[in-house]
Amino acid sequence: MKLGGESGAVFDFVPGDVVVLPDGTGHRCLESSDGFLVVGAYPPGQEWDLIRADEPEKKTEAVKRIARVPLPDTDPVLGKDGPLMRLWRRE
């Protein structure tokens, strides 16, 4: 998997790995095996948007929309007490 857009880094994942990508993170599957699964989830009222490297004119507006996406109410993997909630809480 390549994360971070065209100039991003390549990562190898193994069965059981979970990756939660922040809004706007470029990503591309370079290779997969049977059983590979991707789940996309979006906050209520939000829809996915594809911005390709060859469409830079779309990026400026997309960055503004990304900044307005609210944080999830719960960790998308482990729920209300999951470890991502500690990162997202603004106390």
PDB file of N, CA and C in Angstrom:
ATOM      1  N   MET A   1       0.852  -1.163   0.000  1.00  0.00           N
ATOM      2  CA  MET A   1       0.000   0.000   0.000  1.00  0.00           C
ATOM      3  C   MET A   1       0.897   1.225   0.000  1.00  0.00           C
ATOM      4  N   LYS A   2       0.572   2.183  -0.833  1.00  0.00           N
ATOM      5  CA  LYS A   2       1.300   3.450  -0.854  1.00  0.00           C
ATOM      6  C   LYS A   2       0.424   4.485  -0.153  1.00  0.00           C
ATOM      7  N   LEU A   3       0.969   5.134   0.860  1.00  0.00           N
ATOM      8  CA  LEU A   3       0.239   6.132   1.637  1.00  0.00           C
ATOM      9  C   LEU A   3       0.930   7.476   1.526  1.00  0.00           C
ATOM     10  N   GLY A   4       0.131   8.515   1.356  1.00  0.00           N
ATOM     11  CA  GLY A   4       0.689   9.863   1.316  1.00  0.00           C
ATOM     12  C   GLY A   4       0.767  10.460  -0.072  1.00  0.00           C
ATOM     13  N   GLY A   5       0.047   9.906  -1.020  1.00  0.00           N
ATOM     14  CA  GLY A   5       0.041  10.458  -2.371  1.00  0.00           C
ATOM     15  C   GLY A   5       1.205   9.958  -3.200  1.00  0.00           C
ATOM     16  N   GLU A   6       1.408  10.602  -4.331  1.00  0.00           N
ATOM     17  CA  GLU A   6       2.426  10.157  -5.287  1.00  0.00           C
ATOM     18  C   GLU A   6       3.824  10.117  -4.686  1.00  0.00           C
ATOM     19  N   SER A   7       4.138  11.026  -3.789  1.00  0.00           N
ATOM     20  CA  SER A   7       5.475  11.039  -3.181  1.00  0.00           C
ATOM     21  C   SER A   7       5.490  10.337  -1.825  1.00  0.00           C
ATOM     22  N   GLY A   8       4.435   9.577  -1.541  1.00  0.00           N
ATOM     23  CA  GLY A   8       4.313   8.903  -0.252  1.00  0.00           C
ATOM     24  C   GLY A   8       5.230   7.705  -0.107  1.00  0.00           C
ATOM     25  N   ALA A   9       5.031   6.987   0.991  1.00  0.00           N
ATOM     26  CA  ALA A   9       5.847   5.816   1.322  1.00  0.00           C
ATOM     27  C   ALA A   9       5.052   4.538   1.072  1.00  0.00           C
ATOM     28  N   VAL A  10       5.780   3.455   0.845  1.00  0.00           N
ATOM     29  CA  VAL A  10       5.170   2.148   0.616  1.00  0.00           C
ATOM     30  C   VAL A  10       5.244   1.344   1.914  1.00  0.00           C
ATOM     31  N   PHE A  11       4.125   0.716   2.271  1.00  0.00           N
ATOM     32  CA  PHE A  11       4.023  -0.080   3.489  1.00  0.00           C
ATOM     33  C   PHE A  11       3.520  -1.471   3.152  1.00  0.00           C
ATOM     34  N   ASP A  12       4.014  -2.452   3.874  1.00  0.00           N
ATOM     35  CA  ASP A  12       3.505  -3.816   3.772  1.00  0.00           C
ATOM     36  C   ASP A  12       2.630  -4.070   4.984  1.00  0.00           C
ATOM     37  N   PHE A  13       1.460  -4.629   4.766  1.00  0.00           N
ATOM     38  CA  PHE A  13       0.559  -4.973   5.850  1.00  0.00           C
ATOM     39  C   PHE A  13       0.336  -6.471   5.842  1.00  0.00           C
ATOM     40  N   VAL A  14       0.026  -7.003   7.009  1.00  0.00           N
ATOM     41  CA  VAL A  14      -0.214  -8.439   7.159  1.00  0.00           C
ATOM     42  C   VAL A  14      -1.629  -8.646   7.688  1.00  0.00           C
ATOM     43  N   PRO A  15      -2.169  -9.859   7.553  1.00  0.00           N
ATOM     44  CA  PRO A  15      -3.523 -10.117   8.059  1.00  0.00           C
ATOM     45  C   PRO A  15      -3.652  -9.687   9.520  1.00  0.00           C
ATOM     46  N   GLY A  16      -4.736  -8.983   9.790  1.00  0.00           N
ATOM     47  CA  GLY A  16      -4.988  -8.480  11.135  1.00  0.00           C
ATOM     48  C   GLY A  16      -4.626  -7.022  11.314  1.00  0.00           C
ATOM     49  N   ASP A  17      -3.819  -6.460  10.413  1.00  0.00           N
ATOM     50  CA  ASP A  17      -3.472  -5.044  10.509  1.00  0.00           C
ATOM     51  C   ASP A  17      -4.706  -4.188  10.240  1.00  0.00           C
ATOM     52  N   VAL A  18      -4.786  -3.078  10.952  1.00  0.00           N
ATOM     53  CA  VAL A  18      -5.835  -2.089  10.746  1.00  0.00           C
ATOM     54  C   VAL A  18      -5.146  -0.754  10.543  1.00  0.00           C
ATOM     55  N   VAL A  19      -5.556  -0.034   9.522  1.00  0.00           N
ATOM     56  CA  VAL A  19      -4.994   1.281   9.244  1.00  0.00           C
ATOM     57  C   VAL A  19      -6.146   2.276   9.190  1.00  0.00           C
ATOM     58  N   VAL A  20      -6.058   3.319   9.989  1.00  0.00           N
ATOM     59  CA  VAL A  20      -7.049   4.391   9.967  1.00  0.00           C
ATOM     60  C   VAL A  20      -6.357   5.607   9.364  1.00  0.00           C
ATOM     61  N   LEU A  21      -6.863   6.054   8.227  1.00  0.00           N
ATOM     62  CA  LEU A  21      -6.238   7.176   7.528  1.00  0.00           C
ATOM     63  C   LEU A  21      -6.952   8.479   7.858  1.00  0.00           C
ATOM     64  N   PRO A  22      -6.204   9.515   8.196  1.00  0.00           N
ATOM     65  CA  PRO A  22      -6.824  10.826   8.411  1.00  0.00           C
ATOM     66  C   PRO A  22      -7.452  11.338   7.111  1.00  0.00           C
ATOM     67  N   ASP A  23      -8.419  12.222   7.269  1.00  0.00           N
ATOM     68  CA  ASP A  23      -9.069  12.825   6.106  1.00  0.00           C
ATOM     69  C   ASP A  23      -8.037  13.346   5.118  1.00  0.00           C
ATOM     70  N   GLY A  24      -8.249  13.058   3.855  1.00  0.00           N
ATOM     71  CA  GLY A  24      -7.391  13.598   2.806  1.00  0.00           C
ATOM     72  C   GLY A  24      -6.103  12.857   2.550  1.00  0.00           C
ATOM     73  N   THR A  25      -5.859  11.741   3.230  1.00  0.00           N
ATOM     74  CA  THR A  25      -4.626  10.996   3.015  1.00  0.00           C
ATOM     75  C   THR A  25      -4.675  10.265   1.679  1.00  0.00           C
ATOM     76  N   GLY A  26      -3.724  10.554   0.820  1.00  0.00           N
ATOM     77  CA  GLY A  26      -3.625   9.826  -0.438  1.00  0.00           C
ATOM     78  C   GLY A  26      -3.252   8.378  -0.162  1.00  0.00           C
ATOM     79  N   HIS A  27      -3.877   7.462  -0.891  1.00  0.00           N
ATOM     80  CA  HIS A  27      -3.584   6.041  -0.688  1.00  0.00           C
ATOM     81  C   HIS A  27      -3.860   5.268  -1.970  1.00  0.00           C
ATOM     82  N   ARG A  28      -3.049   4.208  -2.159  1.00  0.00           N
ATOM     83  CA  ARG A  28      -3.216   3.378  -3.345  1.00  0.00           C
ATOM     84  C   ARG A  28      -2.751   1.966  -3.037  1.00  0.00           C
ATOM     85  N   CYS A  29      -3.574   1.003  -3.417  1.00  0.00           N
ATOM     86  CA  CYS A  29      -3.210  -0.400  -3.258  1.00  0.00           C
ATOM     87  C   CYS A  29      -2.300  -0.783  -4.420  1.00  0.00           C
ATOM     88  N   LEU A  30      -1.096  -1.191  -4.114  1.00  0.00           N
ATOM     89  CA  LEU A  30      -0.136  -1.585  -5.142  1.00  0.00           C
ATOM     90  C   LEU A  30      -0.222  -3.074  -5.452  1.00  0.00           C
ATOM     91  N   GLU A  31      -0.611  -3.843  -4.446  1.00  0.00           N
ATOM     92  CA  GLU A  31      -0.676  -5.294  -4.587  1.00  0.00           C
ATOM     93  C   GLU A  31      -1.494  -5.837  -3.420  1.00  0.00           C
ATOM     94  N   SER A  32      -2.281  -6.895  -3.663  1.00  0.00           N
ATOM     95  CA  SER A  32      -3.038  -7.494  -2.561  1.00  0.00           C
ATOM     96  C   SER A  32      -3.208  -8.985  -2.795  1.00  0.00           C
ATOM     97  N   SER A  33      -3.582  -9.669  -1.736  1.00  0.00           N
ATOM     98  CA  SER A  33      -3.852 -11.101  -1.816  1.00  0.00           C
ATOM     99  C   SER A  33      -5.341 -11.335  -1.582  1.00  0.00           C
ATOM    100  N   ASP A  34      -5.796 -12.555  -1.810  1.00  0.00           N
ATOM    101  CA  ASP A  34      -7.183 -12.901  -1.529  1.00  0.00           C
ATOM    102  C   ASP A  34      -7.478 -12.584  -0.072  1.00  0.00           C
ATOM    103  N   GLY A  35      -8.634 -12.066   0.191  1.00  0.00           N
ATOM    104  CA  GLY A  35      -9.021 -11.742   1.551  1.00  0.00           C
ATOM    105  C   GLY A  35      -8.714 -10.311   1.955  1.00  0.00           C
ATOM    106  N   PHE A  36      -7.993  -9.569   1.119  1.00  0.00           N
ATOM    107  CA  PHE A  36      -7.706  -8.171   1.421  1.00  0.00           C
ATOM    108  C   PHE A  36      -9.029  -7.399   1.444  1.00  0.00           C
ATOM    109  N   LEU A  37      -9.227  -6.564   2.446  1.00  0.00           N
ATOM    110  CA  LEU A  37     -10.480  -5.845   2.603  1.00  0.00           C
ATOM    111  C   LEU A  37     -10.210  -4.389   2.951  1.00  0.00           C
ATOM    112  N   VAL A  38     -10.910  -3.514   2.280  1.00  0.00           N
ATOM    113  CA  VAL A  38     -10.859  -2.097   2.573  1.00  0.00           C
ATOM    114  C   VAL A  38     -12.268  -1.662   2.955  1.00  0.00           C
ATOM    115  N   VAL A  39     -12.382  -0.934   4.054  1.00  0.00           N
ATOM    116  CA  VAL A  39     -13.667  -0.404   4.489  1.00  0.00           C
ATOM    117  C   VAL A  39     -13.534   1.101   4.566  1.00  0.00           C
ATOM    118  N   GLY A  40     -14.376   1.807   3.843  1.00  0.00           N
ATOM    119  CA  GLY A  40     -14.383   3.264   3.907  1.00  0.00           C
ATOM    120  C   GLY A  40     -15.586   3.717   4.716  1.00  0.00           C
ATOM    121  N   ALA A  41     -15.380   4.660   5.591  1.00  0.00           N
ATOM    122  CA  ALA A  41     -16.471   5.177   6.405  1.00  0.00           C
ATOM    123  C   ALA A  41     -16.395   6.698   6.415  1.00  0.00           C
ATOM    124  N   TYR A  42     -17.541   7.316   6.384  1.00  0.00           N
ATOM    125  CA  TYR A  42     -17.603   8.764   6.318  1.00  0.00           C
ATOM    126  C   TYR A  42     -18.608   9.272   7.330  1.00  0.00           C
ATOM    127  N   PRO A  43     -18.359  10.449   7.922  1.00  0.00           N
ATOM    128  CA  PRO A  43     -19.317  11.015   8.874  1.00  0.00           C
ATOM    129  C   PRO A  43     -20.668  11.248   8.198  1.00  0.00           C
ATOM    130  N   PRO A  44     -21.749  11.270   8.978  1.00  0.00           N
ATOM    131  CA  PRO A  44     -23.064  11.560   8.398  1.00  0.00           C
ATOM    132  C   PRO A  44     -23.037  12.855   7.593  1.00  0.00           C
ATOM    133  N   GLY A  45     -23.642  12.820   6.436  1.00  0.00           N
ATOM    134  CA  GLY A  45     -23.699  13.997   5.578  1.00  0.00           C
ATOM    135  C   GLY A  45     -22.474  14.205   4.709  1.00  0.00           C
ATOM    136  N   GLN A  46     -21.479  13.341   4.819  1.00  0.00           N
ATOM    137  CA  GLN A  46     -20.255  13.457   4.024  1.00  0.00           C
ATOM    138  C   GLN A  46     -20.243  12.400   2.933  1.00  0.00           C
ATOM    139  N   GLU A  47     -19.607  12.703   1.833  1.00  0.00           N
ATOM    140  CA  GLU A  47     -19.443  11.746   0.745  1.00  0.00           C
ATOM    141  C   GLU A  47     -17.967  11.691   0.366  1.00  0.00           C
ATOM    142  N   TRP A  48     -17.566  10.574  -0.225  1.00  0.00           N
ATOM    143  CA  TRP A  48     -16.183  10.430  -0.650  1.00  0.00           C
ATOM    144  C   TRP A  48     -15.916  11.371  -1.815  1.00  0.00           C
ATOM    145  N   ASP A  49     -14.658  11.683  -1.996  1.00  0.00           N
ATOM    146  CA  ASP A  49     -14.238  12.560  -3.078  1.00  0.00           C
ATOM    147  C   ASP A  49     -12.869  12.088  -3.544  1.00  0.00           C
ATOM    148  N   LEU A  50     -12.703  11.935  -4.820  1.00  0.00           N
ATOM    149  CA  LEU A  50     -11.440  11.475  -5.371  1.00  0.00           C
ATOM    150  C   LEU A  50     -10.706  12.651  -6.001  1.00  0.00           C
ATOM    151  N   ILE A  51      -9.523  12.927  -5.493  1.00  0.00           N
ATOM    152  CA  ILE A  51      -8.671  13.972  -6.051  1.00  0.00           C
ATOM    153  C   ILE A  51      -7.409  13.286  -6.553  1.00  0.00           C
ATOM    154  N   ARG A  52      -7.199  13.332  -7.835  1.00  0.00           N
ATOM    155  CA  ARG A  52      -6.044  12.680  -8.433  1.00  0.00           C
ATOM    156  C   ARG A  52      -4.897  13.678  -8.580  1.00  0.00           C
ATOM    157  N   ALA A  53      -3.691  13.156  -8.630  1.00  0.00           N
ATOM    158  CA  ALA A  53      -2.497  13.999  -8.751  1.00  0.00           C
ATOM    159  C   ALA A  53      -2.540  14.861 -10.010  1.00  0.00           C
ATOM    160  N   ASP A  54      -3.221  14.377 -11.049  1.00  0.00           N
ATOM    161  CA  ASP A  54      -3.276  15.139 -12.290  1.00  0.00           C
ATOM    162  C   ASP A  54      -4.446  16.136 -12.328  1.00  0.00           C
ATOM    163  N   GLU A  55      -5.068  16.393 -11.146  1.00  0.00           N
ATOM    164  CA  GLU A  55      -6.160  17.356 -11.049  1.00  0.00           C
ATOM    165  C   GLU A  55      -5.882  18.364  -9.920  1.00  0.00           C
ATOM    166  N   PRO A  56      -4.754  19.060  -9.979  1.00  0.00           N
ATOM    167  CA  PRO A  56      -4.386  19.947  -8.867  1.00  0.00           C
ATOM    168  C   PRO A  56      -5.393  21.064  -8.626  1.00  0.00           C
ATOM    169  N   GLU A  57      -6.171  21.434  -9.632  1.00  0.00           N
ATOM    170  CA  GLU A  57      -7.153  22.508  -9.464  1.00  0.00           C
ATOM    171  C   GLU A  57      -8.237  22.141  -8.445  1.00  0.00           C
ATOM    172  N   LYS A  58      -8.453  20.863  -8.208  1.00  0.00           N
ATOM    173  CA  LYS A  58      -9.448  20.414  -7.232  1.00  0.00           C
ATOM    174  C   LYS A  58      -8.904  20.397  -5.803  1.00  0.00           C
ATOM    175  N   LYS A  59      -7.603  20.400  -5.659  1.00  0.00           N
ATOM    176  CA  LYS A  59      -6.998  20.195  -4.344  1.00  0.00           C
ATOM    177  C   LYS A  59      -7.289  21.330  -3.359  1.00  0.00           C
ATOM    178  N   THR A  60      -7.216  22.565  -3.779  1.00  0.00           N
ATOM    179  CA  THR A  60      -7.410  23.700  -2.874  1.00  0.00           C
ATOM    180  C   THR A  60      -8.768  23.637  -2.195  1.00  0.00           C
ATOM    181  N   GLU A  61      -9.821  23.434  -2.967  1.00  0.00           N
ATOM    182  CA  GLU A  61     -11.163  23.345  -2.384  1.00  0.00           C
ATOM    183  C   GLU A  61     -11.303  22.097  -1.528  1.00  0.00           C
ATOM    184  N   ALA A  62     -10.692  20.994  -1.955  1.00  0.00           N
ATOM    185  CA  ALA A  62     -10.772  19.755  -1.172  1.00  0.00           C
ATOM    186  C   ALA A  62     -10.114  19.930   0.193  1.00  0.00           C
ATOM    187  N   VAL A  63      -8.999  20.619   0.264  1.00  0.00           N
ATOM    188  CA  VAL A  63      -8.310  20.844   1.536  1.00  0.00           C
ATOM    189  C   VAL A  63      -9.212  21.651   2.480  1.00  0.00           C
ATOM    190  N   LYS A  64      -9.944  22.613   1.953  1.00  0.00           N
ATOM    191  CA  LYS A  64     -10.874  23.395   2.773  1.00  0.00           C
ATOM    192  C   LYS A  64     -12.003  22.505   3.309  1.00  0.00           C
ATOM    193  N   ARG A  65     -12.538  21.635   2.451  1.00  0.00           N
ATOM    194  CA  ARG A  65     -13.612  20.727   2.890  1.00  0.00           C
ATOM    195  C   ARG A  65     -13.098  19.749   3.942  1.00  0.00           C
ATOM    196  N   ILE A  66     -11.900  19.237   3.752  1.00  0.00           N
ATOM    197  CA  ILE A  66     -11.310  18.281   4.695  1.00  0.00           C
ATOM    198  C   ILE A  66     -11.193  18.914   6.083  1.00  0.00           C
ATOM    199  N   ALA A  67     -10.786  20.174   6.127  1.00  0.00           N
ATOM    200  CA  ALA A  67     -10.609  20.857   7.415  1.00  0.00           C
ATOM    201  C   ALA A  67     -11.926  20.993   8.178  1.00  0.00           C
ATOM    202  N   ARG A  68     -13.049  20.942   7.467  1.00  0.00           N
ATOM    203  CA  ARG A  68     -14.354  21.091   8.118  1.00  0.00           C
ATOM    204  C   ARG A  68     -14.968  19.755   8.550  1.00  0.00           C
ATOM    205  N   VAL A  69     -14.337  18.637   8.216  1.00  0.00           N
ATOM    206  CA  VAL A  69     -14.883  17.332   8.593  1.00  0.00           C
ATOM    207  C   VAL A  69     -14.726  17.155  10.100  1.00  0.00           C
ATOM    208  N   PRO A  70     -15.835  16.867  10.790  1.00  0.00           N
ATOM    209  CA  PRO A  70     -15.727  16.699  12.242  1.00  0.00           C
ATOM    210  C   PRO A  70     -15.017  15.406  12.616  1.00  0.00           C
ATOM    211  N   LEU A  71     -14.413  15.397  13.805  1.00  0.00           N
ATOM    212  CA  LEU A  71     -13.807  14.169  14.304  1.00  0.00           C
ATOM    213  C   LEU A  71     -14.912  13.167  14.624  1.00  0.00           C
ATOM    214  N   PRO A  72     -14.642  11.880  14.499  1.00  0.00           N
ATOM    215  CA  PRO A  72     -15.651  10.875  14.842  1.00  0.00           C
ATOM    216  C   PRO A  72     -15.991  10.923  16.332  1.00  0.00           C
ATOM    217  N   ASP A  73     -17.206  10.485  16.650  1.00  0.00           N
ATOM    218  CA  ASP A  73     -17.623  10.410  18.048  1.00  0.00           C
ATOM    219  C   ASP A  73     -16.942   9.268  18.781  1.00  0.00           C
ATOM    220  N   THR A  74     -16.509   8.254  18.027  1.00  0.00           N
ATOM    221  CA  THR A  74     -15.860   7.098  18.633  1.00  0.00           C
ATOM    222  C   THR A  74     -14.703   6.632  17.768  1.00  0.00           C
ATOM    223  N   ASP A  75     -13.799   5.883  18.349  1.00  0.00           N
ATOM    224  CA  ASP A  75     -12.725   5.222  17.606  1.00  0.00           C
ATOM    225  C   ASP A  75     -13.414   4.313  16.583  1.00  0.00           C
ATOM    226  N   PRO A  76     -13.085   4.437  15.312  1.00  0.00           N
ATOM    227  CA  PRO A  76     -13.787   3.657  14.291  1.00  0.00           C
ATOM    228  C   PRO A  76     -13.545   2.152  14.374  1.00  0.00           C
ATOM    229  N   VAL A  77     -12.552   1.738  15.123  1.00  0.00           N
ATOM    230  CA  VAL A  77     -12.252   0.312  15.243  1.00  0.00           C
ATOM    231  C   VAL A  77     -12.691  -0.240  16.600  1.00  0.00           C
ATOM    232  N   LEU A  78     -12.343   0.468  17.676  1.00  0.00           N
ATOM    233  CA  LEU A  78     -12.556  -0.072  19.019  1.00  0.00           C
ATOM    234  C   LEU A  78     -13.599   0.677  19.847  1.00  0.00           C
ATOM    235  N   GLY A  79     -14.325   1.613  19.258  1.00  0.00           N
ATOM    236  CA  GLY A  79     -15.427   2.247  19.962  1.00  0.00           C
ATOM    237  C   GLY A  79     -15.039   3.398  20.865  1.00  0.00           C
ATOM    238  N   LYS A  80     -15.951   3.706  21.812  1.00  0.00           N
ATOM    239  CA  LYS A  80     -15.818   4.934  22.607  1.00  0.00           C
ATOM    240  C   LYS A  80     -14.589   4.978  23.500  1.00  0.00           C
ATOM    241  N   ASP A  81     -14.038   3.837  23.858  1.00  0.00           N
ATOM    242  CA  ASP A  81     -12.846   3.825  24.705  1.00  0.00           C
ATOM    243  C   ASP A  81     -11.583   3.418  23.947  1.00  0.00           C
ATOM    244  N   GLY A  82     -11.661   3.393  22.626  1.00  0.00           N
ATOM    245  CA  GLY A  82     -10.516   3.000  21.817  1.00  0.00           C
ATOM    246  C   GLY A  82      -9.381   4.007  21.885  1.00  0.00           C
ATOM    247  N   PRO A  83      -8.183   3.597  21.553  1.00  0.00           N
ATOM    248  CA  PRO A  83      -7.004   4.461  21.695  1.00  0.00           C
ATOM    249  C   PRO A  83      -7.034   5.713  20.833  1.00  0.00           C
ATOM    250  N   LEU A  84      -7.723   5.690  19.709  1.00  0.00           N
ATOM    251  CA  LEU A  84      -7.756   6.900  18.882  1.00  0.00           C
ATOM    252  C   LEU A  84      -8.522   8.033  19.560  1.00  0.00           C
ATOM    253  N   MET A  85      -9.423   7.694  20.470  1.00  0.00           N
ATOM    254  CA  MET A  85     -10.168   8.742  21.169  1.00  0.00           C
ATOM    255  C   MET A  85      -9.243   9.617  22.005  1.00  0.00           C
ATOM    256  N   ARG A  86      -8.183   9.047  22.552  1.00  0.00           N
ATOM    257  CA  ARG A  86      -7.231   9.852  23.327  1.00  0.00           C
ATOM    258  C   ARG A  86      -6.545  10.880  22.430  1.00  0.00           C
ATOM    259  N   LEU A  87      -6.316  10.544  21.174  1.00  0.00           N
ATOM    260  CA  LEU A  87      -5.683  11.473  20.253  1.00  0.00           C
ATOM    261  C   LEU A  87      -6.647  12.571  19.816  1.00  0.00           C
ATOM    262  N   TRP A  88      -7.932  12.223  19.721  1.00  0.00           N
ATOM    263  CA  TRP A  88      -8.912  13.162  19.186  1.00  0.00           C
ATOM    264  C   TRP A  88      -9.521  14.072  20.218  1.00  0.00           C
ATOM    265  N   ARG A  89      -9.470  13.694  21.483  1.00  0.00           N
ATOM    266  CA  ARG A  89     -10.096  14.530  22.510  1.00  0.00           C
ATOM    267  C   ARG A  89      -9.352  15.853  22.615  1.00  0.00           C
ATOM    268  N   ARG A  90     -10.119  16.891  22.656  1.00  0.00           N
ATOM    269  CA  ARG A  90      -9.534  18.233  22.777  1.00  0.00           C
ATOM    270  C   ARG A  90      -9.896  18.774  24.154  1.00  0.00           C
ATOM    271  N   GLU A  91      -9.086  18.471  25.109  1.00  0.00           N
ATOM    272  CA  GLU A  91      -9.376  18.880  26.495  1.00  0.00           C
ATOM    273  C   GLU A  91      -8.465  19.989  26.922  1.00  0.00           C
TER     274      GLU A  91
END
